Amino acid sequence: WVLLHVPARRAGMVAAPIFSGLVALSTTLVVALLP
């Protein structure tokens, strides 16, 4: 859902990459969401 979301506020724009990186460093299954 974060990948589908278009944040309108700066907080969301900062939080999305941080959350994505945290998940990517916690499971290899994120490769399915790379496309």
PDB file of all heavy atoms in Angstrom:
ATOM      1  N   TRP A   1       0.819  -1.204   0.000  1.00  0.00           N
ATOM      2  CA  TRP A   1       0.000   0.000   0.000  1.00  0.00           C
ATOM      3  C   TRP A   1       0.859   1.262   0.000  1.00  0.00           C
ATOM      4  O   TRP A   1       0.492   2.273  -0.617  1.00  0.00           O
ATOM      5  CB  TRP A   1      -0.936  -0.007   1.205  1.00  0.00           C
ATOM      6  CG  TRP A   1      -2.142  -0.860   1.014  1.00  0.00           C
ATOM      7  CD1 TRP A   1      -2.427  -2.036   1.633  1.00  0.00           C
ATOM      8  CD2 TRP A   1      -3.219  -0.604   0.114  1.00  0.00           C
ATOM      9  NE1 TRP A   1      -3.621  -2.535   1.178  1.00  0.00           N
ATOM     10  CE2 TRP A   1      -4.140  -1.665   0.248  1.00  0.00           C
ATOM     11  CE3 TRP A   1      -3.505   0.414  -0.786  1.00  0.00           C
ATOM     12  CZ2 TRP A   1      -5.322  -1.727  -0.479  1.00  0.00           C
ATOM     13  CZ3 TRP A   1      -4.685   0.354  -1.519  1.00  0.00           C
ATOM     14  CH2 TRP A   1      -5.576  -0.710  -1.355  1.00  0.00           C
ATOM     15  N   VAL A   2       1.994   1.222   0.675  1.00  0.00           N
ATOM     16  CA  VAL A   2       2.896   2.379   0.671  1.00  0.00           C
ATOM     17  C   VAL A   2       3.379   2.667  -0.748  1.00  0.00           C
ATOM     18  O   VAL A   2       3.502   3.830  -1.153  1.00  0.00           O
ATOM     19  CB  VAL A   2       4.083   2.121   1.610  1.00  0.00           C
ATOM     20  CG1 VAL A   2       5.189   3.155   1.407  1.00  0.00           C
ATOM     21  CG2 VAL A   2       3.620   2.156   3.069  1.00  0.00           C
ATOM     22  N   LEU A   3       3.629   1.622  -1.528  1.00  0.00           N
ATOM     23  CA  LEU A   3       4.087   1.804  -2.905  1.00  0.00           C
ATOM     24  C   LEU A   3       2.990   2.381  -3.800  1.00  0.00           C
ATOM     25  O   LEU A   3       3.285   3.033  -4.808  1.00  0.00           O
ATOM     26  CB  LEU A   3       4.574   0.469  -3.479  1.00  0.00           C
ATOM     27  CG  LEU A   3       5.838  -0.097  -2.823  1.00  0.00           C
ATOM     28  CD1 LEU A   3       6.174  -1.461  -3.407  1.00  0.00           C
ATOM     29  CD2 LEU A   3       7.006   0.862  -2.987  1.00  0.00           C
ATOM     30  N   LEU A   4       1.727   2.151  -3.436  1.00  0.00           N
ATOM     31  CA  LEU A   4       0.614   2.707  -4.213  1.00  0.00           C
ATOM     32  C   LEU A   4       0.250   4.119  -3.763  1.00  0.00           C
ATOM     33  O   LEU A   4      -0.425   4.846  -4.493  1.00  0.00           O
ATOM     34  CB  LEU A   4      -0.626   1.817  -4.078  1.00  0.00           C
ATOM     35  CG  LEU A   4      -0.540   0.402  -4.660  1.00  0.00           C
ATOM     36  CD1 LEU A   4      -1.866  -0.320  -4.449  1.00  0.00           C
ATOM     37  CD2 LEU A   4      -0.176   0.427  -6.131  1.00  0.00           C
ATOM     38  N   HIS A   5       0.706   4.484  -2.580  1.00  0.00           N
ATOM     39  CA  HIS A   5       0.316   5.755  -1.982  1.00  0.00           C
ATOM     40  C   HIS A   5       1.145   6.912  -2.540  1.00  0.00           C
ATOM     41  O   HIS A   5       2.339   6.777  -2.791  1.00  0.00           O
ATOM     42  CB  HIS A   5       0.500   5.678  -0.467  1.00  0.00           C
ATOM     43  CG  HIS A   5       0.094   6.902   0.265  1.00  0.00           C
ATOM     44  ND1 HIS A   5      -1.155   7.466   0.137  1.00  0.00           N
ATOM     45  CD2 HIS A   5       0.772   7.684   1.145  1.00  0.00           C
ATOM     46  CE1 HIS A   5      -1.241   8.531   0.911  1.00  0.00           C
ATOM     47  NE2 HIS A   5      -0.083   8.693   1.529  1.00  0.00           N
ATOM     48  N   VAL A   6       0.498   8.041  -2.742  1.00  0.00           N
ATOM     49  CA  VAL A   6       1.188   9.261  -3.161  1.00  0.00           C
ATOM     50  C   VAL A   6       1.050  10.264  -2.019  1.00  0.00           C
ATOM     51  O   VAL A   6       0.016  10.937  -1.898  1.00  0.00           O
ATOM     52  CB  VAL A   6       0.601   9.838  -4.460  1.00  0.00           C
ATOM     53  CG1 VAL A   6       1.353  11.107  -4.860  1.00  0.00           C
ATOM     54  CG2 VAL A   6       0.667   8.812  -5.577  1.00  0.00           C
ATOM     55  N   PRO A   7       2.044  10.364  -1.154  1.00  0.00           N
ATOM     56  CA  PRO A   7       1.919  11.259   0.014  1.00  0.00           C
ATOM     57  C   PRO A   7       1.845  12.719  -0.397  1.00  0.00           C
ATOM     58  O   PRO A   7       2.551  13.166  -1.307  1.00  0.00           O
ATOM     59  CB  PRO A   7       3.188  10.962   0.821  1.00  0.00           C
ATOM     60  CG  PRO A   7       4.156  10.423  -0.174  1.00  0.00           C
ATOM     61  CD  PRO A   7       3.346   9.683  -1.191  1.00  0.00           C
ATOM     62  N   ALA A   8       0.996  13.456   0.278  1.00  0.00           N
ATOM     63  CA  ALA A   8       0.822  14.881  -0.016  1.00  0.00           C
ATOM     64  C   ALA A   8       1.631  15.749   0.928  1.00  0.00           C
ATOM     65  O   ALA A   8       1.870  16.917   0.640  1.00  0.00           O
ATOM     66  CB  ALA A   8      -0.656  15.253   0.075  1.00  0.00           C
ATOM     67  N   ARG A   9       2.055  15.174   2.051  1.00  0.00           N
ATOM     68  CA  ARG A   9       2.795  15.952   3.043  1.00  0.00           C
ATOM     69  C   ARG A   9       4.250  15.497   3.084  1.00  0.00           C
ATOM     70  O   ARG A   9       4.591  14.375   2.729  1.00  0.00           O
ATOM     71  CB  ARG A   9       2.152  15.779   4.417  1.00  0.00           C
ATOM     72  CG  ARG A   9       0.709  16.265   4.476  1.00  0.00           C
ATOM     73  CD  ARG A   9       0.118  16.058   5.860  1.00  0.00           C
ATOM     74  NE  ARG A   9      -1.270  16.510   5.928  1.00  0.00           N
ATOM     75  CZ  ARG A   9      -2.034  16.408   7.013  1.00  0.00           C
ATOM     76  NH1 ARG A   9      -1.539  15.866   8.106  1.00  0.00           N
ATOM     77  NH2 ARG A   9      -3.275  16.850   6.992  1.00  0.00           N
ATOM     78  N   ARG A  10       5.099  16.388   3.564  1.00  0.00           N
ATOM     79  CA  ARG A  10       6.524  16.097   3.633  1.00  0.00           C
ATOM     80  C   ARG A  10       6.796  14.904   4.550  1.00  0.00           C
ATOM     81  O   ARG A  10       7.694  14.090   4.276  1.00  0.00           O
ATOM     82  CB  ARG A  10       7.281  17.318   4.132  1.00  0.00           C
ATOM     83  CG  ARG A  10       8.800  17.154   4.110  1.00  0.00           C
ATOM     84  CD  ARG A  10       9.483  18.428   4.571  1.00  0.00           C
ATOM     85  NE  ARG A  10       9.179  19.533   3.681  1.00  0.00           N
ATOM     86  CZ  ARG A  10       9.855  19.802   2.563  1.00  0.00           C
ATOM     87  NH1 ARG A  10      10.856  19.019   2.214  1.00  0.00           N
ATOM     88  NH2 ARG A  10       9.526  20.849   1.815  1.00  0.00           N
ATOM     89  N   ALA A  11       6.021  14.799   5.630  1.00  0.00           N
ATOM     90  CA  ALA A  11       6.241  13.683   6.553  1.00  0.00           C
ATOM     91  C   ALA A  11       6.053  12.346   5.845  1.00  0.00           C
ATOM     92  O   ALA A  11       6.820  11.396   6.051  1.00  0.00           O
ATOM     93  CB  ALA A  11       5.270  13.791   7.732  1.00  0.00           C
ATOM     94  N   GLY A  12       5.022  12.247   5.006  1.00  0.00           N
ATOM     95  CA  GLY A  12       4.796  11.019   4.257  1.00  0.00           C
ATOM     96  C   GLY A  12       5.885  10.751   3.240  1.00  0.00           C
ATOM     97  O   GLY A  12       6.278   9.600   3.011  1.00  0.00           O
ATOM     98  N   MET A  13       6.387  11.805   2.631  1.00  0.00           N
ATOM     99  CA  MET A  13       7.454  11.646   1.640  1.00  0.00           C
ATOM    100  C   MET A  13       8.736  11.136   2.277  1.00  0.00           C
ATOM    101  O   MET A  13       9.513  10.416   1.649  1.00  0.00           O
ATOM    102  CB  MET A  13       7.713  12.988   0.947  1.00  0.00           C
ATOM    103  CG  MET A  13       6.532  13.531   0.161  1.00  0.00           C
ATOM    104  SD  MET A  13       6.875  15.164  -0.550  1.00  0.00           S
ATOM    105  CE  MET A  13       5.250  15.597  -1.199  1.00  0.00           C
ATOM    106  N   VAL A  14       8.959  11.508   3.526  1.00  0.00           N
ATOM    107  CA  VAL A  14      10.144  11.039   4.244  1.00  0.00           C
ATOM    108  C   VAL A  14       9.921   9.644   4.808  1.00  0.00           C
ATOM    109  O   VAL A  14      10.814   8.787   4.775  1.00  0.00           O
ATOM    110  CB  VAL A  14      10.505  12.024   5.377  1.00  0.00           C
ATOM    111  CG1 VAL A  14      11.646  11.473   6.233  1.00  0.00           C
ATOM    112  CG2 VAL A  14      10.875  13.379   4.799  1.00  0.00           C
ATOM    113  N   ALA A  15       8.705   9.401   5.315  1.00  0.00           N
ATOM    114  CA  ALA A  15       8.422   8.127   5.975  1.00  0.00           C
ATOM    115  C   ALA A  15       8.403   6.957   4.996  1.00  0.00           C
ATOM    116  O   ALA A  15       8.828   5.851   5.351  1.00  0.00           O
ATOM    117  CB  ALA A  15       7.080   8.218   6.705  1.00  0.00           C
ATOM    118  N   ALA A  16       7.926   7.173   3.779  1.00  0.00           N
ATOM    119  CA  ALA A  16       7.799   6.070   2.817  1.00  0.00           C
ATOM    120  C   ALA A  16       9.141   5.402   2.515  1.00  0.00           C
ATOM    121  O   ALA A  16       9.252   4.175   2.597  1.00  0.00           O
ATOM    122  CB  ALA A  16       7.133   6.567   1.535  1.00  0.00           C
ATOM    123  N   PRO A  17      10.196   6.148   2.152  1.00  0.00           N
ATOM    124  CA  PRO A  17      11.485   5.493   1.912  1.00  0.00           C
ATOM    125  C   PRO A  17      12.066   4.828   3.157  1.00  0.00           C
ATOM    126  O   PRO A  17      12.674   3.755   3.065  1.00  0.00           O
ATOM    127  CB  PRO A  17      12.386   6.638   1.427  1.00  0.00           C
ATOM    128  CG  PRO A  17      11.458   7.695   0.953  1.00  0.00           C
ATOM    129  CD  PRO A  17      10.255   7.586   1.824  1.00  0.00           C
ATOM    130  N   ILE A  18      11.896   5.465   4.324  1.00  0.00           N
ATOM    131  CA  ILE A  18      12.424   4.879   5.559  1.00  0.00           C
ATOM    132  C   ILE A  18      11.739   3.551   5.850  1.00  0.00           C
ATOM    133  O   ILE A  18      12.394   2.533   6.155  1.00  0.00           O
ATOM    134  CB  ILE A  18      12.244   5.853   6.738  1.00  0.00           C
ATOM    135  CG1 ILE A  18      13.115   7.099   6.530  1.00  0.00           C
ATOM    136  CG2 ILE A  18      12.585   5.182   8.057  1.00  0.00           C
ATOM    137  CD1 ILE A  18      12.926   8.167   7.584  1.00  0.00           C
ATOM    138  N   PHE A  19      10.414   3.544   5.754  1.00  0.00           N
ATOM    139  CA  PHE A  19       9.675   2.310   6.003  1.00  0.00           C
ATOM    140  C   PHE A  19      10.056   1.236   4.989  1.00  0.00           C
ATOM    141  O   PHE A  19      10.252   0.067   5.341  1.00  0.00           O
ATOM    142  CB  PHE A  19       8.167   2.587   5.933  1.00  0.00           C
ATOM    143  CG  PHE A  19       7.318   1.353   6.084  1.00  0.00           C
ATOM    144  CD1 PHE A  19       7.159   0.762   7.323  1.00  0.00           C
ATOM    145  CD2 PHE A  19       6.690   0.780   4.987  1.00  0.00           C
ATOM    146  CE1 PHE A  19       6.378  -0.385   7.471  1.00  0.00           C
ATOM    147  CE2 PHE A  19       5.916  -0.354   5.124  1.00  0.00           C
ATOM    148  CZ  PHE A  19       5.760  -0.941   6.369  1.00  0.00           C
ATOM    149  N   SER A  20      10.181   1.617   3.722  1.00  0.00           N
ATOM    150  CA  SER A  20      10.528   0.659   2.676  1.00  0.00           C
ATOM    151  C   SER A  20      11.900   0.051   2.912  1.00  0.00           C
ATOM    152  O   SER A  20      12.096  -1.163   2.768  1.00  0.00           O
ATOM    153  CB  SER A  20      10.487   1.348   1.305  1.00  0.00           C
ATOM    154  OG  SER A  20       9.204   1.887   1.053  1.00  0.00           O
ATOM    155  N   GLY A  21      12.862   0.883   3.280  1.00  0.00           N
ATOM    156  CA  GLY A  21      14.196   0.369   3.554  1.00  0.00           C
ATOM    157  C   GLY A  21      14.227  -0.551   4.757  1.00  0.00           C
ATOM    158  O   GLY A  21      14.931  -1.570   4.764  1.00  0.00           O
ATOM    159  N   LEU A  22      13.438  -0.220   5.776  1.00  0.00           N
ATOM    160  CA  LEU A  22      13.369  -1.046   6.975  1.00  0.00           C
ATOM    161  C   LEU A  22      12.807  -2.427   6.652  1.00  0.00           C
ATOM    162  O   LEU A  22      13.311  -3.452   7.128  1.00  0.00           O
ATOM    163  CB  LEU A  22      12.512  -0.353   8.035  1.00  0.00           C
ATOM    164  CG  LEU A  22      12.446  -1.006   9.419  1.00  0.00           C
ATOM    165  CD1 LEU A  22      13.833  -1.102  10.035  1.00  0.00           C
ATOM    166  CD2 LEU A  22      11.517  -0.220  10.333  1.00  0.00           C
ATOM    167  N   VAL A  23      11.751  -2.464   5.834  1.00  0.00           N
ATOM    168  CA  VAL A  23      11.167  -3.750   5.447  1.00  0.00           C
ATOM    169  C   VAL A  23      12.150  -4.540   4.583  1.00  0.00           C
ATOM    170  O   VAL A  23      12.314  -5.755   4.744  1.00  0.00           O
ATOM    171  CB  VAL A  23       9.840  -3.549   4.694  1.00  0.00           C
ATOM    172  CG1 VAL A  23       9.277  -4.885   4.220  1.00  0.00           C
ATOM    173  CG2 VAL A  23       8.816  -2.854   5.596  1.00  0.00           C
ATOM    174  N   ALA A  24      12.828  -3.852   3.667  1.00  0.00           N
ATOM    175  CA  ALA A  24      13.777  -4.530   2.781  1.00  0.00           C
ATOM    176  C   ALA A  24      14.942  -5.139   3.557  1.00  0.00           C
ATOM    177  O   ALA A  24      15.490  -6.171   3.152  1.00  0.00           O
ATOM    178  CB  ALA A  24      14.300  -3.557   1.725  1.00  0.00           C
ATOM    179  N   LEU A  25      15.322  -4.516   4.661  1.00  0.00           N
ATOM    180  CA  LEU A  25      16.405  -5.042   5.485  1.00  0.00           C
ATOM    181  C   LEU A  25      15.904  -6.042   6.518  1.00  0.00           C
ATOM    182  O   LEU A  25      16.668  -6.476   7.378  1.00  0.00           O
ATOM    183  CB  LEU A  25      17.134  -3.891   6.183  1.00  0.00           C
ATOM    184  CG  LEU A  25      17.982  -3.007   5.260  1.00  0.00           C
ATOM    185  CD1 LEU A  25      18.487  -1.786   6.006  1.00  0.00           C
ATOM    186  CD2 LEU A  25      19.152  -3.796   4.668  1.00  0.00           C
ATOM    187  N   SER A  26      14.624  -6.374   6.419  1.00  0.00           N
ATOM    188  CA  SER A  26      14.027  -7.328   7.359  1.00  0.00           C
ATOM    189  C   SER A  26      13.506  -8.584   6.690  1.00  0.00           C
ATOM    190  O   SER A  26      13.194  -9.563   7.372  1.00  0.00           O
ATOM    191  CB  SER A  26      12.882  -6.664   8.144  1.00  0.00           C
ATOM    192  OG  SER A  26      13.353  -5.533   8.859  1.00  0.00           O
ATOM    193  N   THR A  27      13.386  -8.584   5.364  1.00  0.00           N
ATOM    194  CA  THR A  27      12.919  -9.763   4.645  1.00  0.00           C
ATOM    195  C   THR A  27      13.332  -9.687   3.182  1.00  0.00           C
ATOM    196  O   THR A  27      13.288  -8.609   2.575  1.00  0.00           O
ATOM    197  CB  THR A  27      11.388  -9.912   4.730  1.00  0.00           C
ATOM    198  OG1 THR A  27      10.966 -10.999   3.884  1.00  0.00           O
ATOM    199  CG2 THR A  27      10.677  -8.652   4.298  1.00  0.00           C
ATOM    200  N   THR A  28      13.724 -10.810   2.632  1.00  0.00           N
ATOM    201  CA  THR A  28      14.108 -10.861   1.220  1.00  0.00           C
ATOM    202  C   THR A  28      12.901 -10.912   0.297  1.00  0.00           C
ATOM    203  O   THR A  28      13.032 -10.741  -0.915  1.00  0.00           O
ATOM    204  CB  THR A  28      14.980 -12.097   0.938  1.00  0.00           C
ATOM    205  OG1 THR A  28      14.290 -13.271   1.393  1.00  0.00           O
ATOM    206  CG2 THR A  28      16.307 -11.995   1.658  1.00  0.00           C
ATOM    207  N   LEU A  29      11.722 -11.125   0.842  1.00  0.00           N
ATOM    208  CA  LEU A  29      10.527 -11.253   0.012  1.00  0.00           C
ATOM    209  C   LEU A  29      10.127  -9.944  -0.663  1.00  0.00           C
ATOM    210  O   LEU A  29       9.251  -9.941  -1.534  1.00  0.00           O
ATOM    211  CB  LEU A  29       9.352 -11.770   0.856  1.00  0.00           C
ATOM    212  CG  LEU A  29       9.508 -13.205   1.381  1.00  0.00           C
ATOM    213  CD1 LEU A  29       8.356 -13.557   2.311  1.00  0.00           C
ATOM    214  CD2 LEU A  29       9.578 -14.202   0.237  1.00  0.00           C
ATOM    215  N   VAL A  30      10.786  -8.841  -0.306  1.00  0.00           N
ATOM    216  CA  VAL A  30      10.474  -7.572  -0.958  1.00  0.00           C
ATOM    217  C   VAL A  30      10.834  -7.598  -2.445  1.00  0.00           C
ATOM    218  O   VAL A  30      10.388  -6.733  -3.199  1.00  0.00           O
ATOM    219  CB  VAL A  30      11.201  -6.391  -0.283  1.00  0.00           C
ATOM    220  CG1 VAL A  30      10.675  -6.155   1.107  1.00  0.00           C
ATOM    221  CG2 VAL A  30      12.699  -6.613  -0.268  1.00  0.00           C
ATOM    222  N   VAL A  31      11.616  -8.582  -2.871  1.00  0.00           N
ATOM    223  CA  VAL A  31      11.946  -8.665  -4.300  1.00  0.00           C
ATOM    224  C   VAL A  31      10.683  -8.796  -5.141  1.00  0.00           C
ATOM    225  O   VAL A  31      10.649  -8.359  -6.304  1.00  0.00           O
ATOM    226  CB  VAL A  31      12.904  -9.840  -4.590  1.00  0.00           C
ATOM    227  CG1 VAL A  31      14.230  -9.648  -3.885  1.00  0.00           C
ATOM    228  CG2 VAL A  31      12.286 -11.174  -4.190  1.00  0.00           C
ATOM    229  N   ALA A  32       9.626  -9.367  -4.565  1.00  0.00           N
ATOM    230  CA  ALA A  32       8.368  -9.511  -5.294  1.00  0.00           C
ATOM    231  C   ALA A  32       7.685  -8.169  -5.520  1.00  0.00           C
ATOM    232  O   ALA A  32       6.829  -8.044  -6.404  1.00  0.00           O
ATOM    233  CB  ALA A  32       7.424 -10.451  -4.547  1.00  0.00           C
ATOM    234  N   LEU A  33       8.058  -7.148  -4.738  1.00  0.00           N
ATOM    235  CA  LEU A  33       7.441  -5.826  -4.859  1.00  0.00           C
ATOM    236  C   LEU A  33       8.312  -4.831  -5.615  1.00  0.00           C
ATOM    237  O   LEU A  33       7.889  -3.698  -5.856  1.00  0.00           O
ATOM    238  CB  LEU A  33       7.128  -5.272  -3.464  1.00  0.00           C
ATOM    239  CG  LEU A  33       6.064  -6.039  -2.666  1.00  0.00           C
ATOM    240  CD1 LEU A  33       5.981  -5.508  -1.243  1.00  0.00           C
ATOM    241  CD2 LEU A  33       4.709  -5.959  -3.335  1.00  0.00           C
ATOM    242  N   LEU A  34       9.508  -5.236  -5.984  1.00  0.00           N
ATOM    243  CA  LEU A  34      10.395  -4.332  -6.716  1.00  0.00           C
ATOM    244  C   LEU A  34       9.805  -3.868  -8.045  1.00  0.00           C
ATOM    245  O   LEU A  34       9.932  -2.684  -8.394  1.00  0.00           O
ATOM    246  CB  LEU A  34      11.757  -4.993  -6.940  1.00  0.00           C
ATOM    247  CG  LEU A  34      12.728  -4.943  -5.746  1.00  0.00           C
ATOM    248  CD1 LEU A  34      13.988  -5.736  -6.072  1.00  0.00           C
ATOM    249  CD2 LEU A  34      13.069  -3.512  -5.388  1.00  0.00           C
ATOM    250  N   PRO A  35       9.168  -4.734  -8.848  1.00  0.00           N
ATOM    251  CA  PRO A  35       8.562  -4.241 -10.093  1.00  0.00           C
ATOM    252  C   PRO A  35       7.509  -3.168  -9.855  1.00  0.00           C
ATOM    253  O   PRO A  35       7.409  -2.207 -10.623  1.00  0.00           O
ATOM    254  CB  PRO A  35       7.944  -5.506 -10.707  1.00  0.00           C
ATOM    255  CG  PRO A  35       8.754  -6.631 -10.154  1.00  0.00           C
ATOM    256  CD  PRO A  35       9.080  -6.216  -8.758  1.00  0.00           C
TER     257      PRO A  35
END
